[in-house]
C-alpha cells in the first residue's frame, strides 16, 4: 500500500532524474493513464497520434515515457 509521502517522493525523484525530454528539450510531466503514473514529454499529445505523419514521427523519434507508479497494484491489495 502506498502512502502520500512515498507517492510524492517517487514522483519528485522521477522528475528530478529526467527534468527535460532528451528528444525535444521540453519539460517532462507526470500523467495518469488508467491508474498508472507515467513520466512523459509534456509536448507529446495525451491521445495516440492520428494520421500517417503523426504515427511515423512517434515511431521514428519516440519521446521518453517511463512508468513511475502503478496505482492499480495498490487497489488490488
C-alpha atoms as a PDB file:
ATOM      1  CA  UNK A   1       0.000   0.000   0.000  1.00  0.00           C
ATOM      2  CA  UNK A   2       1.292   3.457  -0.931  1.00  0.00           C
ATOM      3  CA  UNK A   3       1.276   6.371   1.471  1.00  0.00           C
ATOM      4  CA  UNK A   4       1.225  10.003   0.339  1.00  0.00           C
ATOM      5  CA  UNK A   5       4.850  10.696   1.303  1.00  0.00           C
ATOM      6  CA  UNK A   6       6.027   7.684  -0.726  1.00  0.00           C
ATOM      7  CA  UNK A   7       3.964   8.716  -3.758  1.00  0.00           C
ATOM      8  CA  UNK A   8       5.245  12.282  -3.709  1.00  0.00           C
ATOM      9  CA  UNK A   9       8.837  11.130  -3.223  1.00  0.00           C
ATOM     10  CA  UNK A  10       8.686   8.758  -6.217  1.00  0.00           C
ATOM     11  CA  UNK A  11       7.116  11.423  -8.436  1.00  0.00           C
ATOM     12  CA  UNK A  12       9.612  14.112  -7.422  1.00  0.00           C
ATOM     13  CA  UNK A  13      12.577  11.768  -7.886  1.00  0.00           C
ATOM     14  CA  UNK A  14      11.443  10.767 -11.365  1.00  0.00           C
ATOM     15  CA  UNK A  15      11.106  14.400 -12.434  1.00  0.00           C
ATOM     16  CA  UNK A  16      14.497  15.282 -10.914  1.00  0.00           C
ATOM     17  CA  UNK A  17      16.141  12.350 -12.728  1.00  0.00           C
ATOM     18  CA  UNK A  18      14.746  13.402 -16.115  1.00  0.00           C
ATOM     19  CA  UNK A  19      13.506  17.024 -15.997  1.00  0.00           C
ATOM     20  CA  UNK A  20      13.575  17.559 -19.774  1.00  0.00           C
ATOM     21  CA  UNK A  21      12.877  15.459 -22.837  1.00  0.00           C
ATOM     22  CA  UNK A  22      16.064  14.114 -24.426  1.00  0.00           C
ATOM     23  CA  UNK A  23      14.481  14.465 -27.892  1.00  0.00           C
ATOM     24  CA  UNK A  24      12.943  17.963 -27.950  1.00  0.00           C
ATOM     25  CA  UNK A  25      14.120  19.509 -24.642  1.00  0.00           C
ATOM     26  CA  UNK A  26      10.568  20.230 -23.466  1.00  0.00           C
ATOM     27  CA  UNK A  27       9.867  19.728 -19.751  1.00  0.00           C
ATOM     28  CA  UNK A  28       8.651  16.314 -18.659  1.00  0.00           C
ATOM     29  CA  UNK A  29       5.359  15.776 -16.868  1.00  0.00           C
ATOM     30  CA  UNK A  30       3.727  13.017 -14.856  1.00  0.00           C
ATOM     31  CA  UNK A  31       0.466  11.843 -16.424  1.00  0.00           C
ATOM     32  CA  UNK A  32      -2.143   9.401 -15.193  1.00  0.00           C
ATOM     33  CA  UNK A  33      -3.125   6.774 -17.738  1.00  0.00           C
ATOM     34  CA  UNK A  34      -5.636   4.229 -16.435  1.00  0.00           C
ATOM     35  CA  UNK A  35      -4.271   4.209 -12.908  1.00  0.00           C
ATOM     36  CA  UNK A  36      -0.615   4.249 -13.883  1.00  0.00           C
ATOM     37  CA  UNK A  37       1.584   7.317 -13.482  1.00  0.00           C
ATOM     38  CA  UNK A  38       3.953   7.858 -16.407  1.00  0.00           C
ATOM     39  CA  UNK A  39       6.779  10.367 -16.804  1.00  0.00           C
ATOM     40  CA  UNK A  40       6.382  11.701 -20.336  1.00  0.00           C
ATOM     41  CA  UNK A  41       7.482  14.564 -22.520  1.00  0.00           C
ATOM     42  CA  UNK A  42       4.996  17.400 -21.997  1.00  0.00           C
ATOM     43  CA  UNK A  43       4.932  18.145 -25.729  1.00  0.00           C
ATOM     44  CA  UNK A  44       3.545  14.728 -26.662  1.00  0.00           C
ATOM     45  CA  UNK A  45      -0.201  14.582 -27.138  1.00  0.00           C
ATOM     46  CA  UNK A  46      -2.292  12.926 -24.450  1.00  0.00           C
ATOM     47  CA  UNK A  47      -4.041  10.731 -27.029  1.00  0.00           C
ATOM     48  CA  UNK A  48      -2.356   8.425 -29.511  1.00  0.00           C
ATOM     49  CA  UNK A  49      -1.115  10.190 -32.666  1.00  0.00           C
ATOM     50  CA  UNK A  50      -3.526  10.332 -35.577  1.00  0.00           C
ATOM     51  CA  UNK A  51      -2.665  10.103 -39.230  1.00  0.00           C
ATOM     52  CA  UNK A  52       0.313   8.654 -41.005  1.00  0.00           C
ATOM     53  CA  UNK A  53       2.704  11.531 -40.218  1.00  0.00           C
ATOM     54  CA  UNK A  54       1.884  11.512 -36.523  1.00  0.00           C
ATOM     55  CA  UNK A  55       2.328   7.759 -36.202  1.00  0.00           C
ATOM     56  CA  UNK A  56       5.584   7.778 -38.187  1.00  0.00           C
ATOM     57  CA  UNK A  57       7.026  10.629 -36.120  1.00  0.00           C
ATOM     58  CA  UNK A  58       6.108   8.844 -32.892  1.00  0.00           C
ATOM     59  CA  UNK A  59       7.721   5.608 -34.099  1.00  0.00           C
ATOM     60  CA  UNK A  60      10.899   7.113 -35.551  1.00  0.00           C
ATOM     61  CA  UNK A  61      11.628   9.627 -32.828  1.00  0.00           C
ATOM     62  CA  UNK A  62       9.955   8.463 -29.638  1.00  0.00           C
ATOM     63  CA  UNK A  63       9.894  10.814 -26.679  1.00  0.00           C
ATOM     64  CA  UNK A  64      10.726   9.326 -23.270  1.00  0.00           C
ATOM     65  CA  UNK A  65       7.980   7.532 -21.392  1.00  0.00           C
ATOM     66  CA  UNK A  66       8.752   5.781 -18.110  1.00  0.00           C
ATOM     67  CA  UNK A  67       6.436   4.165 -15.599  1.00  0.00           C
ATOM     68  CA  UNK A  68       6.664   5.967 -12.245  1.00  0.00           C
ATOM     69  CA  UNK A  69       3.976   4.168 -10.237  1.00  0.00           C
ATOM     70  CA  UNK A  70       1.341   1.556 -10.915  1.00  0.00           C
ATOM     71  CA  UNK A  71      -1.543   2.567  -8.675  1.00  0.00           C
ATOM     72  CA  UNK A  72      -3.649  -0.391  -9.836  1.00  0.00           C
ATOM     73  CA  UNK A  73      -1.377  -2.697  -7.790  1.00  0.00           C
ATOM     74  CA  UNK A  74      -2.314  -0.740  -4.673  1.00  0.00           C
ATOM     75  CA  UNK A  75      -6.036  -1.157  -5.393  1.00  0.00           C
ATOM     76  CA  UNK A  76      -5.708  -4.909  -5.839  1.00  0.00           C
ATOM     77  CA  UNK A  77      -4.061  -5.392  -2.457  1.00  0.00           C
END
